[in-house]
Protein backbone atom coordinates (compact mmCIF):
# COMPACT_ATOMS: atom_id res chain seq x y z
CA MET A 1 -0.01 0.01 -0.01
CA SER A 2 1.38 3.37 -1.00
CA SER A 3 1.25 6.38 1.27
CA TRP A 4 1.92 9.92 0.15
CA LEU A 5 2.66 13.19 1.95
CA LYS A 6 2.34 16.68 0.45
CA CYS A 7 4.97 19.21 1.49
CA ARG A 8 4.09 22.88 1.87
CA CYS A 9 6.08 23.58 -1.32
CA GLY A 10 3.74 21.27 -3.26
CA GLU A 11 6.06 18.29 -3.59
CA THR A 12 4.39 14.90 -3.19
CA ILE A 13 6.62 12.54 -1.20
CA GLY A 14 6.15 8.77 -1.09
CA VAL A 15 6.38 7.50 2.47
CA GLY A 16 4.68 4.09 2.26
CA SER A 17 7.45 1.77 1.17
CA PHE A 18 9.76 0.02 3.66
CA PRO A 19 12.61 0.48 3.87
CA ASN A 20 12.29 4.02 2.58
CA PRO A 21 15.47 6.07 2.01
CA GLY A 22 13.51 9.31 2.42
CA VAL A 23 12.15 8.51 5.89
CA SER A 24 14.33 8.57 8.99
CA ARG A 25 13.47 7.73 12.58
CA VAL A 26 14.50 9.95 15.49
CA LEU A 27 16.08 8.06 18.43
CA SER A 28 16.86 9.91 21.60
CA GLU A 29 19.82 8.91 23.72
CA GLU A 30 17.41 8.11 26.56
CA GLN A 31 15.46 5.72 24.31
CA TYR A 32 18.65 4.02 23.23
CA ASP A 33 19.95 3.71 26.78
CA GLY A 34 16.60 2.22 27.81
CA LEU A 35 17.25 -0.91 25.80
CA GLN A 36 18.47 -3.77 27.88
CA ASP A 37 20.12 -5.53 24.96
CA PRO A 38 20.70 -3.44 21.78
CA VAL A 39 20.89 -6.55 19.62
CA ASP A 40 17.53 -7.97 20.71
CA ARG A 41 15.60 -7.69 17.44
CA THR A 42 12.21 -7.75 19.13
CA ALA A 43 13.15 -4.86 21.46
CA LEU A 44 14.58 -2.92 18.49
CA ALA A 45 11.45 -3.50 16.40
CA THR A 46 9.25 -2.31 19.27
CA LEU A 47 11.44 0.75 19.76
CA PHE A 48 11.50 1.49 16.02
CA LEU A 49 7.74 1.57 15.82
CA SER A 50 7.53 4.00 18.70
CA LEU A 51 9.94 6.56 17.23
CA ASP A 52 9.16 9.91 15.59
CA SER A 53 9.49 10.04 11.78
CA LEU A 54 11.55 12.67 10.00
CA ILE A 55 11.30 13.37 6.27
CA ARG A 56 13.34 15.84 4.23
CA CYS A 57 11.59 17.27 1.19
CA PRO A 58 13.70 16.64 -1.89
CA ARG A 59 12.46 19.85 -3.54
CA CYS A 60 12.69 22.55 -0.88
CA GLY A 61 14.82 20.86 1.80
CA GLY A 62 12.17 21.41 4.49
CA LEU A 63 11.82 18.91 7.30
CA LEU A 64 8.55 17.21 8.18
CA LEU A 65 8.35 15.70 11.62
CA GLN A 66 5.65 13.26 12.66
CA ARG A 67 5.67 12.57 16.37
CA ALA A 68 4.99 8.91 17.31
CA GLY A 69 1.27 8.25 17.55
CA GLU A 70 0.30 11.57 15.97
CA PRO A 71 -1.40 11.70 12.53
CA ASP A 72 -0.11 15.13 11.47
CA PHE A 73 3.31 16.41 10.49
CA GLU A 74 5.07 19.56 11.70
CA TYR A 75 6.93 21.50 9.03
CA PHE A 76 10.29 23.20 9.51
CA SER A 77 11.56 25.54 6.83
CA PRO A 78 15.22 25.37 5.74
CA GLU A 79 17.36 28.37 6.50
CA PRO A 80 17.88 30.62 3.49
CA SER A 81 21.33 30.03 2.03
CA ALA A 82 23.81 32.90 2.18
CA ARG A 83 25.05 34.06 -1.20
């Protein structure tokens, strides 16, 4: 099943495939340290599914953040480049 996200710049970003090179997960140090055994695949899978998602728009470079368990994305504009 495909899933798509529309950036504020109008770019449509595919986010449904797995693994997806355009989607990253945000892992805090506290979440990492909370694992009893970092190589336990079940614990890692459970942790992975509970993480926030971060997507960079390939067109404008903006970041879209989806907090775990939330349906909506927050948008963060890239800094204008100095010329």
